[in-house]
């Protein structure tokens, strides 16, 4: 079976809190008795998009498992490329593909520079169409922003929009198994374009759901809950199963 660990939204900054929570998750993954096929981090790697934050992220996200990262709305493309990926600091979307044994992971850049909402531009959709066309193994498509409403008004206002283009593209590719996202800071499972849409918990915080108690109108997140992550398991029958785990800091 294929196992992908999926975490999101570490929001690494100069504060020890974000660093310690990210380190706790990575230490947990390093302590697993088996090698993972990949560790996927779906965006908001840095809190302010600063070079120093990406330098810290590069140290924290080092692992014996393959680590794959895509940008979120808090990330800055040039600094992300240069200081996290070791690539030239270019302004275009950061799209990447990982070919592992029995699995293809396509990481799409859904960020819109200077904005909080998400969008897949023409360049990204053309790139993804080509990746899916050439794939010879099951494909998981990852990005930061969920392309559907999660019934969380604060998050839904800054989700991925113009999602119908992605939905139309997905109908043409039978190897596509699921979509993976972050951004919501809460574990969630729903569907998009007839396929699973699986949202990773937040590392730095957990969003309050609309029906949970809050101290005031802007009290959007739990800061006292532990960081968490998802494990996506693809078995020999092609069935995708997701397990969620919290991690002690």
C-alpha atoms as a PDB file:
ATOM      1  CA  UNK A   1       0.000   0.000   0.000  1.00  0.00           C
ATOM      2  CA  UNK A   2       0.996   3.630  -0.540  1.00  0.00           C
ATOM      3  CA  UNK A   3       0.977   5.994   2.458  1.00  0.00           C
ATOM      4  CA  UNK A   4       1.194   9.793   2.182  1.00  0.00           C
ATOM      5  CA  UNK A   5       1.381  11.965   5.296  1.00  0.00           C
ATOM      6  CA  UNK A   6      -0.448  15.240   4.707  1.00  0.00           C
ATOM      7  CA  UNK A   7       0.067  18.310   6.861  1.00  0.00           C
ATOM      8  CA  UNK A   8      -0.715  21.941   6.239  1.00  0.00           C
ATOM      9  CA  UNK A   9      -0.435  25.496   7.468  1.00  0.00           C
ATOM     10  CA  UNK A  10       2.601  25.481   9.746  1.00  0.00           C
ATOM     11  CA  UNK A  11       2.804  29.292   9.377  1.00  0.00           C
ATOM     12  CA  UNK A  12       6.442  29.281  10.430  1.00  0.00           C
ATOM     13  CA  UNK A  13       7.609  32.627  11.787  1.00  0.00           C
ATOM     14  CA  UNK A  14      10.138  33.878  14.328  1.00  0.00           C
ATOM     15  CA  UNK A  15       8.077  32.646  17.286  1.00  0.00           C
ATOM     16  CA  UNK A  16       8.936  29.386  19.027  1.00  0.00           C
ATOM     17  CA  UNK A  17       5.303  28.262  18.997  1.00  0.00           C
ATOM     18  CA  UNK A  18       5.105  27.638  15.249  1.00  0.00           C
ATOM     19  CA  UNK A  19       8.592  26.152  15.215  1.00  0.00           C
ATOM     20  CA  UNK A  20       7.928  23.755  18.095  1.00  0.00           C
ATOM     21  CA  UNK A  21       4.621  22.572  16.664  1.00  0.00           C
ATOM     22  CA  UNK A  22       6.137  21.913  13.238  1.00  0.00           C
ATOM     23  CA  UNK A  23       9.111  20.162  14.823  1.00  0.00           C
ATOM     24  CA  UNK A  24       6.760  17.954  16.884  1.00  0.00           C
ATOM     25  CA  UNK A  25       4.931  16.779  13.751  1.00  0.00           C
ATOM     26  CA  UNK A  26       8.144  16.068  11.857  1.00  0.00           C
ATOM     27  CA  UNK A  27       9.656  14.260  14.871  1.00  0.00           C
ATOM     28  CA  UNK A  28       6.555  12.079  15.021  1.00  0.00           C
ATOM     29  CA  UNK A  29       6.907  11.221  11.328  1.00  0.00           C
ATOM     30  CA  UNK A  30      10.629  10.501  11.704  1.00  0.00           C
ATOM     31  CA  UNK A  31       9.817   8.093  14.535  1.00  0.00           C
ATOM     32  CA  UNK A  32       7.495   5.930  12.443  1.00  0.00           C
ATOM     33  CA  UNK A  33       8.763   2.372  11.969  1.00  0.00           C
ATOM     34  CA  UNK A  34       8.195   2.392   8.187  1.00  0.00           C
ATOM     35  CA  UNK A  35       9.159   4.738   5.377  1.00  0.00           C
ATOM     36  CA  UNK A  36       6.363   6.876   3.956  1.00  0.00           C
ATOM     37  CA  UNK A  37       5.895   7.371   0.238  1.00  0.00           C
ATOM     38  CA  UNK A  38       5.722  11.138   0.756  1.00  0.00           C
ATOM     39  CA  UNK A  39       5.157  13.908   3.269  1.00  0.00           C
ATOM     40  CA  UNK A  40       2.933  16.549   1.659  1.00  0.00           C
ATOM     41  CA  UNK A  41       2.653  20.093   3.050  1.00  0.00           C
ATOM     42  CA  UNK A  42      -0.185  22.039   1.406  1.00  0.00           C
ATOM     43  CA  UNK A  43       0.772  25.642   1.856  1.00  0.00           C
ATOM     44  CA  UNK A  44       1.188  28.547   4.236  1.00  0.00           C
ATOM     45  CA  UNK A  45       4.653  27.288   4.965  1.00  0.00           C
ATOM     46  CA  UNK A  46       5.785  30.742   6.088  1.00  0.00           C
ATOM     47  CA  UNK A  47       3.584  33.192   7.943  1.00  0.00           C
ATOM     48  CA  UNK A  48       4.922  36.359   6.310  1.00  0.00           C
ATOM     49  CA  UNK A  49       6.734  34.999   3.247  1.00  0.00           C
ATOM     50  CA  UNK A  50      10.131  36.092   4.581  1.00  0.00           C
ATOM     51  CA  UNK A  51      13.427  34.503   3.499  1.00  0.00           C
ATOM     52  CA  UNK A  52      14.318  33.797   7.137  1.00  0.00           C
ATOM     53  CA  UNK A  53      11.039  31.903   7.608  1.00  0.00           C
ATOM     54  CA  UNK A  54      11.759  29.704   4.589  1.00  0.00           C
ATOM     55  CA  UNK A  55      15.286  29.044   5.833  1.00  0.00           C
ATOM     56  CA  UNK A  56      13.776  27.829   9.108  1.00  0.00           C
ATOM     57  CA  UNK A  57      11.153  25.810   7.232  1.00  0.00           C
ATOM     58  CA  UNK A  58      13.828  24.100   5.148  1.00  0.00           C
ATOM     59  CA  UNK A  59      15.576  22.975   8.330  1.00  0.00           C
ATOM     60  CA  UNK A  60      12.358  21.831  10.016  1.00  0.00           C
ATOM     61  CA  UNK A  61      10.937  19.975   7.018  1.00  0.00           C
ATOM     62  CA  UNK A  62      14.046  17.882   6.390  1.00  0.00           C
ATOM     63  CA  UNK A  63      13.123  14.192   6.576  1.00  0.00           C
ATOM     64  CA  UNK A  64      14.100  10.697   5.549  1.00  0.00           C
ATOM     65  CA  UNK A  65      10.724  10.644   3.779  1.00  0.00           C
ATOM     66  CA  UNK A  66      10.301  12.619   0.512  1.00  0.00           C
ATOM     67  CA  UNK A  67       8.917  16.054   1.463  1.00  0.00           C
ATOM     68  CA  UNK A  68       6.745  17.944  -1.034  1.00  0.00           C
ATOM     69  CA  UNK A  69       5.547  21.521  -0.493  1.00  0.00           C
ATOM     70  CA  UNK A  70       3.230  23.887  -2.334  1.00  0.00           C
ATOM     71  CA  UNK A  71       2.475  27.578  -1.625  1.00  0.00           C
ATOM     72  CA  UNK A  72      -0.494  29.090   0.190  1.00  0.00           C
ATOM     73  CA  UNK A  73      -1.834  32.606   0.483  1.00  0.00           C
ATOM     74  CA  UNK A  74       0.725  33.541   3.177  1.00  0.00           C
ATOM     75  CA  UNK A  75       3.617  32.441   0.967  1.00  0.00           C
ATOM     76  CA  UNK A  76       5.643  34.609  -1.412  1.00  0.00           C
ATOM     77  CA  UNK A  77       6.556  32.827  -4.631  1.00  0.00           C
ATOM     78  CA  UNK A  78      10.031  34.261  -5.163  1.00  0.00           C
ATOM     79  CA  UNK A  79      11.223  33.634  -1.613  1.00  0.00           C
ATOM     80  CA  UNK A  80       9.482  30.225  -1.572  1.00  0.00           C
ATOM     81  CA  UNK A  81      11.380  29.166  -4.684  1.00  0.00           C
ATOM     82  CA  UNK A  82      14.751  30.561  -3.661  1.00  0.00           C
ATOM     83  CA  UNK A  83      14.956  29.863   0.060  1.00  0.00           C
ATOM     84  CA  UNK A  84      12.848  26.701   0.367  1.00  0.00           C
ATOM     85  CA  UNK A  85      13.253  24.925  -2.971  1.00  0.00           C
ATOM     86  CA  UNK A  86      16.702  26.268  -3.927  1.00  0.00           C
ATOM     87  CA  UNK A  87      15.450  27.498  -7.310  1.00  0.00           C
ATOM     88  CA  UNK A  88      15.679  30.880  -9.057  1.00  0.00           C
ATOM     89  CA  UNK A  89      13.279  33.440  -7.562  1.00  0.00           C
ATOM     90  CA  UNK A  90      10.695  33.685 -10.350  1.00  0.00           C
ATOM     91  CA  UNK A  91       7.179  35.172 -10.013  1.00  0.00           C
ATOM     92  CA  UNK A  92       5.114  32.505 -11.814  1.00  0.00           C
ATOM     93  CA  UNK A  93       3.079  29.720 -10.188  1.00  0.00           C
ATOM     94  CA  UNK A  94       5.058  27.073  -8.305  1.00  0.00           C
ATOM     95  CA  UNK A  95       3.745  23.817  -9.820  1.00  0.00           C
ATOM     96  CA  UNK A  96       5.545  20.537  -9.135  1.00  0.00           C
ATOM     97  CA  UNK A  97       5.054  16.852  -9.870  1.00  0.00           C
ATOM     98  CA  UNK A  98       6.385  13.901  -7.885  1.00  0.00           C
ATOM     99  CA  UNK A  99       6.525  10.444  -9.425  1.00  0.00           C
ATOM    100  CA  UNK A 100       6.793   7.769  -6.765  1.00  0.00           C
ATOM    101  CA  UNK A 101       6.421   3.996  -7.041  1.00  0.00           C
ATOM    102  CA  UNK A 102       2.764   3.448  -7.878  1.00  0.00           C
ATOM    103  CA  UNK A 103       1.676   7.071  -7.364  1.00  0.00           C
ATOM    104  CA  UNK A 104       1.853  10.518  -8.979  1.00  0.00           C
ATOM    105  CA  UNK A 105       1.447  13.630  -6.831  1.00  0.00           C
ATOM    106  CA  UNK A 106       0.685  16.860  -8.699  1.00  0.00           C
ATOM    107  CA  UNK A 107       1.150  19.992  -6.581  1.00  0.00           C
ATOM    108  CA  UNK A 108      -0.661  23.031  -7.979  1.00  0.00           C
ATOM    109  CA  UNK A 109      -0.095  26.629  -6.921  1.00  0.00           C
ATOM    110  CA  UNK A 110      -3.532  28.020  -6.057  1.00  0.00           C
ATOM    111  CA  UNK A 111      -2.137  31.220  -4.523  1.00  0.00           C
ATOM    112  CA  UNK A 112      -2.978  34.646  -5.931  1.00  0.00           C
ATOM    113  CA  UNK A 113      -0.142  37.078  -5.114  1.00  0.00           C
ATOM    114  CA  UNK A 114      -1.325  39.716  -2.662  1.00  0.00           C
ATOM    115  CA  UNK A 115      -4.715  38.048  -2.083  1.00  0.00           C
ATOM    116  CA  UNK A 116      -6.097  35.514   0.392  1.00  0.00           C
ATOM    117  CA  UNK A 117      -8.431  33.624  -1.950  1.00  0.00           C
ATOM    118  CA  UNK A 118      -7.295  30.935  -4.362  1.00  0.00           C
ATOM    119  CA  UNK A 119      -7.391  30.461  -8.131  1.00  0.00           C
ATOM    120  CA  UNK A 120      -5.775  28.111 -10.644  1.00  0.00           C
ATOM    121  CA  UNK A 121      -4.571  30.190 -13.588  1.00  0.00           C
ATOM    122  CA  UNK A 122      -4.362  29.071 -17.221  1.00  0.00           C
ATOM    123  CA  UNK A 123      -0.696  28.123 -16.933  1.00  0.00           C
ATOM    124  CA  UNK A 124      -1.397  25.866 -13.956  1.00  0.00           C
ATOM    125  CA  UNK A 125      -4.432  24.192 -15.522  1.00  0.00           C
ATOM    126  CA  UNK A 126      -2.541  23.525 -18.764  1.00  0.00           C
ATOM    127  CA  UNK A 127       0.350  22.076 -16.759  1.00  0.00           C
ATOM    128  CA  UNK A 128      -1.999  19.877 -14.705  1.00  0.00           C
ATOM    129  CA  UNK A 129      -3.818  18.643 -17.807  1.00  0.00           C
ATOM    130  CA  UNK A 130      -0.465  17.562 -19.253  1.00  0.00           C
ATOM    131  CA  UNK A 131       0.595  15.813 -16.012  1.00  0.00           C
ATOM    132  CA  UNK A 132      -2.695  13.901 -15.883  1.00  0.00           C
ATOM    133  CA  UNK A 133      -2.500  13.014 -19.574  1.00  0.00           C
ATOM    134  CA  UNK A 134       0.967  11.502 -19.172  1.00  0.00           C
ATOM    135  CA  UNK A 135       0.376   9.756 -15.838  1.00  0.00           C
ATOM    136  CA  UNK A 136       0.722   5.986 -15.780  1.00  0.00           C
ATOM    137  CA  UNK A 137      -0.138   5.596 -12.068  1.00  0.00           C
ATOM    138  CA  UNK A 138      -2.969   6.848  -9.821  1.00  0.00           C
ATOM    139  CA  UNK A 139      -2.781  10.621  -9.297  1.00  0.00           C
ATOM    140  CA  UNK A 140      -3.473  12.765  -6.236  1.00  0.00           C
ATOM    141  CA  UNK A 141      -3.805  16.490  -6.972  1.00  0.00           C
ATOM    142  CA  UNK A 142      -2.848  18.854  -4.157  1.00  0.00           C
ATOM    143  CA  UNK A 143      -3.213  22.608  -3.621  1.00  0.00           C
ATOM    144  CA  UNK A 144      -3.747  25.016  -0.735  1.00  0.00           C
ATOM    145  CA  UNK A 145      -7.273  26.371  -1.174  1.00  0.00           C
ATOM    146  CA  UNK A 146     -10.326  24.050  -1.084  1.00  0.00           C
ATOM    147  CA  UNK A 147     -12.378  24.486  -4.275  1.00  0.00           C
ATOM    148  CA  UNK A 148     -15.726  24.127  -2.479  1.00  0.00           C
ATOM    149  CA  UNK A 149     -17.436  25.723   0.511  1.00  0.00           C
ATOM    150  CA  UNK A 150     -16.842  23.864   3.780  1.00  0.00           C
ATOM    151  CA  UNK A 151     -19.737  25.558   5.632  1.00  0.00           C
ATOM    152  CA  UNK A 152     -17.231  27.726   7.477  1.00  0.00           C
ATOM    153  CA  UNK A 153     -18.010  31.349   6.502  1.00  0.00           C
ATOM    154  CA  UNK A 154     -14.587  32.740   7.451  1.00  0.00           C
ATOM    155  CA  UNK A 155     -12.817  30.132   5.293  1.00  0.00           C
ATOM    156  CA  UNK A 156     -15.410  29.953   2.521  1.00  0.00           C
ATOM    157  CA  UNK A 157     -14.934  33.636   1.720  1.00  0.00           C
ATOM    158  CA  UNK A 158     -11.303  32.969   0.776  1.00  0.00           C
ATOM    159  CA  UNK A 159     -11.546  29.515  -0.810  1.00  0.00           C
ATOM    160  CA  UNK A 160     -10.555  28.653  -4.404  1.00  0.00           C
ATOM    161  CA  UNK A 161     -12.862  30.298  -6.948  1.00  0.00           C
ATOM    162  CA  UNK A 162     -13.488  29.613 -10.669  1.00  0.00           C
ATOM    163  CA  UNK A 163     -13.339  25.973  -9.648  1.00  0.00           C
ATOM    164  CA  UNK A 164     -15.554  24.815 -12.516  1.00  0.00           C
ATOM    165  CA  UNK A 165     -12.539  24.815 -14.846  1.00  0.00           C
ATOM    166  CA  UNK A 166     -10.758  22.346 -12.584  1.00  0.00           C
ATOM    167  CA  UNK A 167     -13.910  20.237 -12.325  1.00  0.00           C
ATOM    168  CA  UNK A 168     -14.227  20.065 -16.116  1.00  0.00           C
ATOM    169  CA  UNK A 169     -10.576  19.126 -16.524  1.00  0.00           C
ATOM    170  CA  UNK A 170     -10.830  16.346 -13.941  1.00  0.00           C
ATOM    171  CA  UNK A 171     -13.606  14.551 -15.839  1.00  0.00           C
ATOM    172  CA  UNK A 172     -11.174  13.785 -18.681  1.00  0.00           C
ATOM    173  CA  UNK A 173      -8.641  11.848 -16.588  1.00  0.00           C
ATOM    174  CA  UNK A 174      -9.546   8.493 -15.093  1.00  0.00           C
ATOM    175  CA  UNK A 175      -6.294   8.088 -13.140  1.00  0.00           C
ATOM    176  CA  UNK A 176      -7.167  11.010 -10.875  1.00  0.00           C
ATOM    177  CA  UNK A 177      -8.147   9.620  -7.457  1.00  0.00           C
ATOM    178  CA  UNK A 178      -8.595  12.611  -5.113  1.00  0.00           C
ATOM    179  CA  UNK A 179      -7.899  16.261  -4.337  1.00  0.00           C
ATOM    180  CA  UNK A 180      -5.893  17.271  -1.251  1.00  0.00           C
ATOM    181  CA  UNK A 181      -6.020  20.740   0.305  1.00  0.00           C
ATOM    182  CA  UNK A 182      -5.219  22.795   3.386  1.00  0.00           C
ATOM    183  CA  UNK A 183      -6.093  26.418   4.274  1.00  0.00           C
ATOM    184  CA  UNK A 184      -9.085  25.611   6.513  1.00  0.00           C
ATOM    185  CA  UNK A 185      -7.034  24.653   9.598  1.00  0.00           C
ATOM    186  CA  UNK A 186      -9.422  21.799  10.309  1.00  0.00           C
ATOM    187  CA  UNK A 187      -9.671  18.171   9.190  1.00  0.00           C
ATOM    188  CA  UNK A 188     -12.476  17.849   6.680  1.00  0.00           C
ATOM    189  CA  UNK A 189     -13.681  15.373   4.066  1.00  0.00           C
ATOM    190  CA  UNK A 190     -16.099  16.144   1.243  1.00  0.00           C
ATOM    191  CA  UNK A 191     -16.286  15.732  -2.540  1.00  0.00           C
ATOM    192  CA  UNK A 192     -15.425  17.822  -5.574  1.00  0.00           C
ATOM    193  CA  UNK A 193     -16.166  16.887  -9.176  1.00  0.00           C
ATOM    194  CA  UNK A 194     -17.316  13.475  -7.987  1.00  0.00           C
ATOM    195  CA  UNK A 195     -14.017  12.694  -6.256  1.00  0.00           C
ATOM    196  CA  UNK A 196     -12.840  12.877  -2.625  1.00  0.00           C
ATOM    197  CA  UNK A 197     -11.636  16.274  -1.411  1.00  0.00           C
ATOM    198  CA  UNK A 198      -9.568  15.760   1.738  1.00  0.00           C
ATOM    199  CA  UNK A 199      -8.497  18.733   3.850  1.00  0.00           C
ATOM    200  CA  UNK A 200      -5.564  18.476   6.244  1.00  0.00           C
ATOM    201  CA  UNK A 201      -5.717  19.856   9.792  1.00  0.00           C
ATOM    202  CA  UNK A 202      -3.671  22.922  10.654  1.00  0.00           C
ATOM    203  CA  UNK A 203      -0.296  22.583  12.316  1.00  0.00           C
ATOM    204  CA  UNK A 204      -0.204  26.059  13.859  1.00  0.00           C
ATOM    205  CA  UNK A 205      -3.874  26.201  14.941  1.00  0.00           C
ATOM    206  CA  UNK A 206      -7.335  24.680  14.539  1.00  0.00           C
ATOM    207  CA  UNK A 207     -10.274  26.676  13.173  1.00  0.00           C
ATOM    208  CA  UNK A 208     -13.418  26.986  15.257  1.00  0.00           C
ATOM    209  CA  UNK A 209     -16.461  25.551  13.521  1.00  0.00           C
ATOM    210  CA  UNK A 210     -19.478  27.887  13.280  1.00  0.00           C
ATOM    211  CA  UNK A 211     -21.416  25.956  15.925  1.00  0.00           C
ATOM    212  CA  UNK A 212     -18.547  25.908  18.434  1.00  0.00           C
ATOM    213  CA  UNK A 213     -18.419  28.381  21.297  1.00  0.00           C
ATOM    214  CA  UNK A 214     -16.245  31.444  20.835  1.00  0.00           C
ATOM    215  CA  UNK A 215     -15.272  34.314  23.119  1.00  0.00           C
ATOM    216  CA  UNK A 216     -16.041  37.029  20.533  1.00  0.00           C
ATOM    217  CA  UNK A 217     -16.922  37.387  16.864  1.00  0.00           C
ATOM    218  CA  UNK A 218     -13.280  37.352  15.691  1.00  0.00           C
ATOM    219  CA  UNK A 219     -12.320  34.322  17.812  1.00  0.00           C
ATOM    220  CA  UNK A 220     -11.748  32.105  14.779  1.00  0.00           C
ATOM    221  CA  UNK A 221      -9.181  29.581  15.987  1.00  0.00           C
ATOM    222  CA  UNK A 222      -8.339  27.223  18.831  1.00  0.00           C
ATOM    223  CA  UNK A 223      -4.755  27.805  19.935  1.00  0.00           C
ATOM    224  CA  UNK A 224      -4.820  25.175  22.677  1.00  0.00           C
ATOM    225  CA  UNK A 225      -5.555  22.117  20.505  1.00  0.00           C
ATOM    226  CA  UNK A 226      -2.556  20.024  19.387  1.00  0.00           C
ATOM    227  CA  UNK A 227      -1.204  20.037  15.822  1.00  0.00           C
ATOM    228  CA  UNK A 228      -2.540  17.253  13.624  1.00  0.00           C
ATOM    229  CA  UNK A 229      -2.067  15.623  10.240  1.00  0.00           C
ATOM    230  CA  UNK A 230      -3.683  13.172   7.845  1.00  0.00           C
ATOM    231  CA  UNK A 231      -2.483   9.861   6.426  1.00  0.00           C
ATOM    232  CA  UNK A 232      -3.841   8.996   2.978  1.00  0.00           C
ATOM    233  CA  UNK A 233      -3.589   5.295   2.186  1.00  0.00           C
ATOM    234  CA  UNK A 234      -4.003   3.953  -1.342  1.00  0.00           C
ATOM    235  CA  UNK A 235      -4.360   0.180  -1.339  1.00  0.00           C
ATOM    236  CA  UNK A 236      -3.899  -2.457  -4.032  1.00  0.00           C
ATOM    237  CA  UNK A 237      -7.591  -2.249  -4.932  1.00  0.00           C
ATOM    238  CA  UNK A 238      -7.302   1.472  -5.640  1.00  0.00           C
ATOM    239  CA  UNK A 239      -9.307   2.440  -2.541  1.00  0.00           C
ATOM    240  CA  UNK A 240      -8.214   5.636  -0.804  1.00  0.00           C
ATOM    241  CA  UNK A 241      -8.610   5.740   2.982  1.00  0.00           C
ATOM    242  CA  UNK A 242      -7.711   8.702   5.219  1.00  0.00           C
ATOM    243  CA  UNK A 243      -6.747   8.597   8.896  1.00  0.00           C
ATOM    244  CA  UNK A 244      -6.252  11.677  11.074  1.00  0.00           C
ATOM    245  CA  UNK A 245      -3.799  11.929  13.981  1.00  0.00           C
ATOM    246  CA  UNK A 246      -3.005  14.624  16.517  1.00  0.00           C
ATOM    247  CA  UNK A 247       0.554  15.053  17.811  1.00  0.00           C
ATOM    248  CA  UNK A 248       1.730  15.954  21.309  1.00  0.00           C
ATOM    249  CA  UNK A 249       3.969  19.008  21.445  1.00  0.00           C
END
